[in-house]
Amino acid sequence: MLYVPNIIWSKHLPKDYEQYARNENKLLLVLERVGEVLVTVIALVFIDFNINGISLWSLFLLISFLLMVLYEIYWIRYFRSEKTMRDMYSSILGIPLAGATLPVLAFLLLGIYGKNLWLIIAIIILGIGHIGIHWQHKKEI
């Protein structure tokens, strides 16, 4: 749910994206890259995220999943759009910068569900970089 749309996106960049990418804050870019690696490794290595039965605690997992469904809807909407920078940094259901915010929130809730402090720390690092870069691009638009 996370990587497939991003792979497709690499072939459907928004118009003028390279112009914005050149101006990205280097610290935010480092935080984003480090966060991506940490989140991916932690999500694959730890088993804390498997369904352990149904309880009230499972709401964190359910909401995380629903946020990822919204993320997929965001991508479908983007791929059907004119693929402008405004399309890329649009909101969905009032959630700003949906393409950056939704996966960060989903993985944060996954970390809470799994009671995995490492994932929570990693997603905060990723969130600062990823949402920060998207916020910077949105301001430039």
C-alpha atoms as a PDB file:
ATOM      1  CA  MET A   1       0.000   0.000   0.000  1.00  0.00           C
ATOM      2  CA  LEU A   2       2.939   2.311   0.609  1.00  0.00           C
ATOM      3  CA  TYR A   3       5.524   1.541  -2.033  1.00  0.00           C
ATOM      4  CA  VAL A   4       3.544   0.636  -5.163  1.00  0.00           C
ATOM      5  CA  PRO A   5       1.994   4.116  -5.619  1.00  0.00           C
ATOM      6  CA  ASN A   6       5.395   5.720  -5.031  1.00  0.00           C
ATOM      7  CA  ILE A   7       6.996   3.528  -7.687  1.00  0.00           C
ATOM      8  CA  ILE A   8       4.245   4.466 -10.137  1.00  0.00           C
ATOM      9  CA  TRP A   9       4.599   8.130  -9.119  1.00  0.00           C
ATOM     10  CA  SER A  10       8.270   8.079 -10.135  1.00  0.00           C
ATOM     11  CA  LYS A  11       7.021   7.764 -13.734  1.00  0.00           C
ATOM     12  CA  HIS A  12       4.292  10.422 -13.262  1.00  0.00           C
ATOM     13  CA  LEU A  13       5.963  13.318 -11.476  1.00  0.00           C
ATOM     14  CA  PRO A  14       3.999  16.561 -11.237  1.00  0.00           C
ATOM     15  CA  LYS A  15       4.793  19.260 -13.757  1.00  0.00           C
ATOM     16  CA  ASP A  16       7.822  21.325 -12.653  1.00  0.00           C
ATOM     17  CA  TYR A  17       8.600  18.967  -9.753  1.00  0.00           C
ATOM     18  CA  GLU A  18      12.363  19.071 -10.364  1.00  0.00           C
ATOM     19  CA  GLN A  19      12.331  22.845  -9.884  1.00  0.00           C
ATOM     20  CA  TYR A  20      10.863  22.402  -6.384  1.00  0.00           C
ATOM     21  CA  ALA A  21      13.062  19.419  -5.515  1.00  0.00           C
ATOM     22  CA  ARG A  22      16.193  21.496  -6.101  1.00  0.00           C
ATOM     23  CA  ASN A  23      15.174  23.859  -3.288  1.00  0.00           C
ATOM     24  CA  GLU A  24      14.531  21.179  -0.644  1.00  0.00           C
ATOM     25  CA  ASN A  25      15.967  21.775   2.800  1.00  0.00           C
ATOM     26  CA  LYS A  26      18.952  19.419   3.139  1.00  0.00           C
ATOM     27  CA  LEU A  27      18.322  18.663   6.823  1.00  0.00           C
ATOM     28  CA  LEU A  28      14.703  17.732   6.083  1.00  0.00           C
ATOM     29  CA  LEU A  29      15.902  15.553   3.214  1.00  0.00           C
ATOM     30  CA  VAL A  30      18.359  13.698   5.494  1.00  0.00           C
ATOM     31  CA  LEU A  31      15.635  13.193   8.127  1.00  0.00           C
ATOM     32  CA  GLU A  32      13.270  11.901   5.452  1.00  0.00           C
ATOM     33  CA  ARG A  33      15.789   9.411   4.048  1.00  0.00           C
ATOM     34  CA  VAL A  34      16.928   8.165   7.457  1.00  0.00           C
ATOM     35  CA  GLY A  35      13.299   7.879   8.560  1.00  0.00           C
ATOM     36  CA  GLU A  36      12.347   5.924   5.431  1.00  0.00           C
ATOM     37  CA  VAL A  37      15.071   3.361   6.044  1.00  0.00           C
ATOM     38  CA  LEU A  38      14.346   3.055   9.765  1.00  0.00           C
ATOM     39  CA  VAL A  39      10.569   2.725   9.324  1.00  0.00           C
ATOM     40  CA  THR A  40      10.940   0.128   6.581  1.00  0.00           C
ATOM     41  CA  VAL A  41      13.452  -1.988   8.510  1.00  0.00           C
ATOM     42  CA  ILE A  42      11.538  -1.783  11.799  1.00  0.00           C
ATOM     43  CA  ALA A  43       8.202  -2.599  10.154  1.00  0.00           C
ATOM     44  CA  LEU A  44       9.754  -5.670   8.528  1.00  0.00           C
ATOM     45  CA  VAL A  45      11.859  -6.899  11.457  1.00  0.00           C
ATOM     46  CA  PHE A  46       9.502  -6.586  14.427  1.00  0.00           C
ATOM     47  CA  ILE A  47       6.418  -8.777  14.784  1.00  0.00           C
ATOM     48  CA  ASP A  48       4.644  -6.366  17.146  1.00  0.00           C
ATOM     49  CA  PHE A  49       2.344  -5.287  14.332  1.00  0.00           C
ATOM     50  CA  ASN A  50       0.589  -8.603  13.720  1.00  0.00           C
ATOM     51  CA  ILE A  51      -3.047  -8.970  14.752  1.00  0.00           C
ATOM     52  CA  ASN A  52      -3.058 -10.326  18.306  1.00  0.00           C
ATOM     53  CA  GLY A  53      -6.796 -10.752  18.663  1.00  0.00           C
ATOM     54  CA  ILE A  54      -9.592  -8.243  18.678  1.00  0.00           C
ATOM     55  CA  SER A  55      -9.789  -5.712  21.506  1.00  0.00           C
ATOM     56  CA  LEU A  56     -10.293  -2.002  22.001  1.00  0.00           C
ATOM     57  CA  TRP A  57      -6.561  -1.679  21.330  1.00  0.00           C
ATOM     58  CA  SER A  58      -7.254  -2.990  17.803  1.00  0.00           C
ATOM     59  CA  LEU A  59      -8.832   0.388  16.977  1.00  0.00           C
ATOM     60  CA  PHE A  60      -5.312   1.752  16.484  1.00  0.00           C
ATOM     61  CA  LEU A  61      -4.686  -0.926  13.851  1.00  0.00           C
ATOM     62  CA  LEU A  62      -8.062  -0.374  12.199  1.00  0.00           C
ATOM     63  CA  ILE A  63      -7.602   3.402  11.999  1.00  0.00           C
ATOM     64  CA  SER A  64      -4.073   2.878  10.690  1.00  0.00           C
ATOM     65  CA  PHE A  65      -5.476   0.651   7.947  1.00  0.00           C
ATOM     66  CA  LEU A  66      -8.243   3.152   7.121  1.00  0.00           C
ATOM     67  CA  LEU A  67      -5.664   5.932   6.811  1.00  0.00           C
ATOM     68  CA  MET A  68      -3.763   3.775   4.325  1.00  0.00           C
ATOM     69  CA  VAL A  69      -6.993   3.216   2.360  1.00  0.00           C
ATOM     70  CA  LEU A  70      -7.392   7.022   2.238  1.00  0.00           C
ATOM     71  CA  TYR A  71      -3.769   7.189   1.078  1.00  0.00           C
ATOM     72  CA  GLU A  72      -4.606   4.866  -1.823  1.00  0.00           C
ATOM     73  CA  ILE A  73      -7.633   7.025  -2.679  1.00  0.00           C
ATOM     74  CA  TYR A  74      -5.362  10.080  -2.617  1.00  0.00           C
ATOM     75  CA  TRP A  75      -3.049   8.386  -5.141  1.00  0.00           C
ATOM     76  CA  ILE A  76      -5.903   7.313  -7.404  1.00  0.00           C
ATOM     77  CA  ARG A  77      -7.128  10.910  -7.402  1.00  0.00           C
ATOM     78  CA  TYR A  78      -3.605  12.173  -8.150  1.00  0.00           C
ATOM     79  CA  PHE A  79      -3.026   9.725 -11.011  1.00  0.00           C
ATOM     80  CA  ARG A  80      -6.357  10.703 -12.590  1.00  0.00           C
ATOM     81  CA  SER A  81      -5.557  14.432 -12.248  1.00  0.00           C
ATOM     82  CA  GLU A  82      -3.520  16.709 -14.483  1.00  0.00           C
ATOM     83  CA  LYS A  83      -0.546  15.895 -12.209  1.00  0.00           C
ATOM     84  CA  THR A  84       0.274  19.437 -11.166  1.00  0.00           C
ATOM     85  CA  MET A  85       2.051  20.460  -7.976  1.00  0.00           C
ATOM     86  CA  ARG A  86      -1.332  21.548  -6.565  1.00  0.00           C
ATOM     87  CA  ASP A  87      -2.678  18.044  -7.236  1.00  0.00           C
ATOM     88  CA  MET A  88       0.366  16.521  -5.542  1.00  0.00           C
ATOM     89  CA  TYR A  89      -0.024  18.564  -2.367  1.00  0.00           C
ATOM     90  CA  SER A  90      -3.791  18.449  -2.075  1.00  0.00           C
ATOM     91  CA  SER A  91      -5.774  17.492   0.997  1.00  0.00           C
ATOM     92  CA  ILE A  92      -8.341  14.746   1.432  1.00  0.00           C
ATOM     93  CA  LEU A  93     -11.202  14.898   3.936  1.00  0.00           C
ATOM     94  CA  GLY A  94      -9.590  18.014   5.392  1.00  0.00           C
ATOM     95  CA  ILE A  95      -6.269  16.251   6.028  1.00  0.00           C
ATOM     96  CA  PRO A  96      -3.609  18.612   4.649  1.00  0.00           C
ATOM     97  CA  LEU A  97      -0.771  17.339   2.473  1.00  0.00           C
ATOM     98  CA  ALA A  98      -2.494  13.967   2.303  1.00  0.00           C
ATOM     99  CA  GLY A  99       0.294  12.247   0.381  1.00  0.00           C
ATOM    100  CA  ALA A 100       2.735  12.933   3.208  1.00  0.00           C
ATOM    101  CA  THR A 101       0.479  13.096   6.240  1.00  0.00           C
ATOM    102  CA  LEU A 102      -1.620   9.943   5.791  1.00  0.00           C
ATOM    103  CA  PRO A 103       1.207   7.360   5.731  1.00  0.00           C
ATOM    104  CA  VAL A 104       2.999   9.086   8.598  1.00  0.00           C
ATOM    105  CA  LEU A 105      -0.159   9.030  10.733  1.00  0.00           C
ATOM    106  CA  ALA A 106      -0.868   5.425   9.713  1.00  0.00           C
ATOM    107  CA  PHE A 107       2.587   4.233  10.745  1.00  0.00           C
ATOM    108  CA  LEU A 108       2.463   6.258  13.955  1.00  0.00           C
ATOM    109  CA  LEU A 109      -0.760   4.466  14.878  1.00  0.00           C
ATOM    110  CA  LEU A 110       0.819   1.163  13.851  1.00  0.00           C
ATOM    111  CA  GLY A 111       3.702   1.874  16.219  1.00  0.00           C
ATOM    112  CA  ILE A 112       1.250   2.701  19.006  1.00  0.00           C
ATOM    113  CA  TYR A 113      -0.739  -0.468  18.264  1.00  0.00           C
ATOM    114  CA  GLY A 114       2.422  -2.569  18.371  1.00  0.00           C
ATOM    115  CA  LYS A 115       3.702  -0.680  21.436  1.00  0.00           C
ATOM    116  CA  ASN A 116       6.934  -0.325  19.517  1.00  0.00           C
ATOM    117  CA  LEU A 117       8.884   2.723  20.644  1.00  0.00           C
ATOM    118  CA  TRP A 118      11.442   2.238  17.849  1.00  0.00           C
ATOM    119  CA  LEU A 119       8.800   2.592  15.145  1.00  0.00           C
ATOM    120  CA  ILE A 120       7.304   5.614  16.890  1.00  0.00           C
ATOM    121  CA  ILE A 121      10.708   7.326  17.028  1.00  0.00           C
ATOM    122  CA  ALA A 122      11.470   6.368  13.411  1.00  0.00           C
ATOM    123  CA  ILE A 123       8.141   7.673  12.126  1.00  0.00           C
ATOM    124  CA  ILE A 124       8.614  10.956  13.977  1.00  0.00           C
ATOM    125  CA  ILE A 125      11.991  11.349  12.241  1.00  0.00           C
ATOM    126  CA  LEU A 126      10.402  10.469   8.897  1.00  0.00           C
ATOM    127  CA  GLY A 127       7.414  12.719   9.562  1.00  0.00           C
ATOM    128  CA  ILE A 128       9.548  15.766  10.312  1.00  0.00           C
ATOM    129  CA  GLY A 129      11.477  15.304   7.066  1.00  0.00           C
ATOM    130  CA  HIS A 130       8.679  14.092   4.798  1.00  0.00           C
ATOM    131  CA  ILE A 131       5.915  16.438   5.917  1.00  0.00           C
ATOM    132  CA  GLY A 132       8.463  19.260   6.230  1.00  0.00           C
ATOM    133  CA  ILE A 133       9.551  18.876   2.602  1.00  0.00           C
ATOM    134  CA  HIS A 134       5.954  18.669   1.402  1.00  0.00           C
ATOM    135  CA  TRP A 135       5.056  21.737   3.482  1.00  0.00           C
ATOM    136  CA  GLN A 136       7.980  23.606   1.915  1.00  0.00           C
ATOM    137  CA  HIS A 137       6.797  22.671  -1.593  1.00  0.00           C
ATOM    138  CA  LYS A 138       3.208  23.665  -0.771  1.00  0.00           C
ATOM    139  CA  LYS A 139       4.393  27.097   0.433  1.00  0.00           C
ATOM    140  CA  GLU A 140       6.327  27.569  -2.815  1.00  0.00           C
ATOM    141  CA  ILE A 141       3.219  26.880  -4.879  1.00  0.00           C
END
